[in-house]
Amino acid sequence: MVTRSKGAPHAIAPDVYRAIADPTRRAILDRLRAGPVHVNALAADFSQSRPAISKHLLVLRTARLVRERRCGRERRYSLEPERLRDVAEWLEEYRAFWQSSLSRLKRHLEGETGGKG
């Protein structure tokens, strides 16, 4: 469980982090932003084998970041971005932290150079 700085507990399932840790899985998520795609078309976008892409898709499905829909013998995958919202909110707190830190550093450095001139 991740605790937000505002004091409210904010759970992000570890499988989401595991899923987005791999560059191929992030590329799959990026590809699915354009819309649903059949697994064969998706696999064709990558140099890895179809079984390797299927394993990546399993990790993404387990993390509930993609949805699989069967159309006859074909499998069609689509993005389920809701679980990424928690990660984005968590990361936003760090972006705000670094922005504030860099602003303080800038003021400090400007104060040093302003006093010596």
Protein backbone atom coordinates (compact mmCIF):
# COMPACT_ATOMS: atom_id res chain seq x y z
CA MET A 1 0.00 0.00 0.00
CA VAL A 2 1.21 3.48 -0.85
CA THR A 3 0.36 6.27 1.56
CA ARG A 4 -0.30 9.65 0.01
CA SER A 5 1.32 12.72 1.53
CA LYS A 6 -2.10 14.11 2.38
CA GLY A 7 -2.54 11.26 4.83
CA ALA A 8 -5.15 9.28 2.86
CA PRO A 9 -4.12 5.70 2.10
CA HIS A 10 -3.92 5.10 -1.61
CA ALA A 11 -3.51 1.50 -2.69
CA ILE A 12 -1.80 0.72 -5.97
CA ALA A 13 -1.57 -2.98 -6.70
CA PRO A 14 2.02 -4.20 -7.12
CA ASP A 15 1.09 -6.01 -10.34
CA VAL A 16 0.48 -2.63 -12.01
CA TYR A 17 4.06 -1.57 -11.30
CA ARG A 18 5.34 -4.94 -12.48
CA ALA A 19 3.33 -4.59 -15.67
CA ILE A 20 4.57 -1.13 -16.56
CA ALA A 21 8.17 -1.86 -15.55
CA ASP A 22 8.86 -3.67 -18.82
CA PRO A 23 9.51 -1.53 -21.93
CA THR A 24 7.72 -3.98 -24.24
CA ARG A 25 4.59 -3.86 -22.09
CA ARG A 26 4.73 -0.05 -22.04
CA ALA A 27 5.02 -0.13 -25.85
CA ILE A 28 1.98 -2.42 -26.02
CA LEU A 29 0.02 0.02 -23.85
CA ASP A 30 1.15 2.86 -26.11
CA ARG A 31 0.00 0.93 -29.18
CA LEU A 32 -3.40 0.22 -27.60
CA ARG A 33 -4.00 3.94 -27.01
CA ALA A 34 -4.85 4.11 -30.73
CA GLY A 35 -7.71 1.66 -30.15
CA PRO A 36 -8.49 -2.05 -29.92
CA VAL A 37 -6.39 -4.41 -32.02
CA HIS A 38 -6.29 -8.11 -32.86
CA VAL A 39 -3.46 -9.98 -31.18
CA ASN A 40 -1.83 -10.94 -34.51
CA ALA A 41 -1.76 -7.31 -35.66
CA LEU A 42 -0.38 -6.28 -32.30
CA ALA A 43 2.32 -8.96 -32.37
CA ALA A 44 3.29 -7.86 -35.90
CA ASP A 45 4.31 -4.46 -34.46
CA PHE A 46 7.05 -6.10 -32.38
CA SER A 47 10.20 -8.07 -33.16
CA GLN A 48 9.40 -10.56 -30.40
CA SER A 49 7.60 -13.82 -31.09
CA ARG A 50 3.84 -14.09 -30.84
CA PRO A 51 4.12 -16.33 -27.69
CA ALA A 52 6.34 -13.69 -26.05
CA ILE A 53 3.79 -10.97 -26.82
CA SER A 54 1.05 -13.24 -25.46
CA LYS A 55 2.98 -13.54 -22.19
CA HIS A 56 3.27 -9.76 -21.99
CA LEU A 57 -0.46 -9.47 -22.65
CA LEU A 58 -1.15 -11.95 -19.85
CA VAL A 59 0.78 -9.76 -17.41
CA LEU A 60 -1.14 -6.70 -18.61
CA ARG A 61 -4.48 -8.55 -18.34
CA THR A 62 -3.64 -9.78 -14.83
CA ALA A 63 -2.90 -6.18 -13.84
CA ARG A 64 -6.23 -5.23 -15.45
CA LEU A 65 -4.52 -2.73 -17.76
CA VAL A 66 -5.87 -4.37 -20.92
CA ARG A 67 -9.07 -6.22 -21.74
CA GLU A 68 -9.29 -9.25 -23.99
CA ARG A 69 -12.39 -9.78 -26.11
CA ARG A 70 -12.82 -12.87 -28.21
CA CYS A 71 -14.27 -12.46 -31.69
CA GLY A 72 -14.64 -16.00 -32.99
CA ARG A 73 -11.13 -17.38 -33.13
CA GLU A 74 -9.52 -13.96 -32.84
CA ARG A 75 -8.62 -12.14 -29.67
CA ARG A 76 -8.93 -8.39 -29.61
CA TYR A 77 -7.18 -6.30 -26.95
CA SER A 78 -8.08 -2.85 -25.71
CA LEU A 79 -6.61 -0.49 -23.15
CA GLU A 80 -8.12 -0.21 -19.66
CA PRO A 81 -6.35 2.94 -18.40
CA GLU A 82 -8.18 3.43 -15.09
CA ARG A 83 -5.56 1.61 -13.05
CA LEU A 84 -2.87 3.86 -14.50
CA ARG A 85 -4.64 6.87 -13.03
CA ASP A 86 -3.48 5.85 -9.54
CA VAL A 87 0.11 5.66 -10.75
CA ALA A 88 -0.21 9.04 -12.49
CA GLU A 89 -1.57 10.64 -9.31
CA TRP A 90 1.27 9.15 -7.26
CA LEU A 91 3.86 10.38 -9.77
CA GLU A 92 2.24 13.82 -9.88
CA GLU A 93 3.16 14.32 -6.23
CA TYR A 94 6.82 13.74 -7.14
CA ARG A 95 6.59 16.12 -10.10
CA ALA A 96 5.23 18.80 -7.76
CA PHE A 97 8.00 18.03 -5.25
CA TRP A 98 10.74 18.40 -7.87
CA GLN A 99 9.20 21.54 -9.33
CA SER A 100 9.13 23.11 -5.87
CA SER A 101 12.69 21.97 -5.13
CA LEU A 102 14.03 23.36 -8.40
CA SER A 103 12.22 26.66 -7.82
CA ARG A 104 13.82 26.95 -4.37
CA LEU A 105 17.23 26.13 -5.83
CA LYS A 106 16.77 28.75 -8.54
CA ARG A 107 15.84 31.41 -5.96
CA HIS A 108 18.82 30.42 -3.84
CA LEU A 109 21.26 30.59 -6.75
CA GLU A 110 19.83 33.87 -7.98
CA GLY A 111 20.21 35.26 -4.47
CA GLU A 112 23.88 34.22 -4.35
CA THR A 113 24.73 35.78 -7.70
CA GLY A 114 22.67 38.88 -6.97
CA GLY A 115 24.57 39.57 -3.73
CA LYS A 116 28.03 39.23 -5.34
CA GLY A 117 27.46 41.55 -8.28
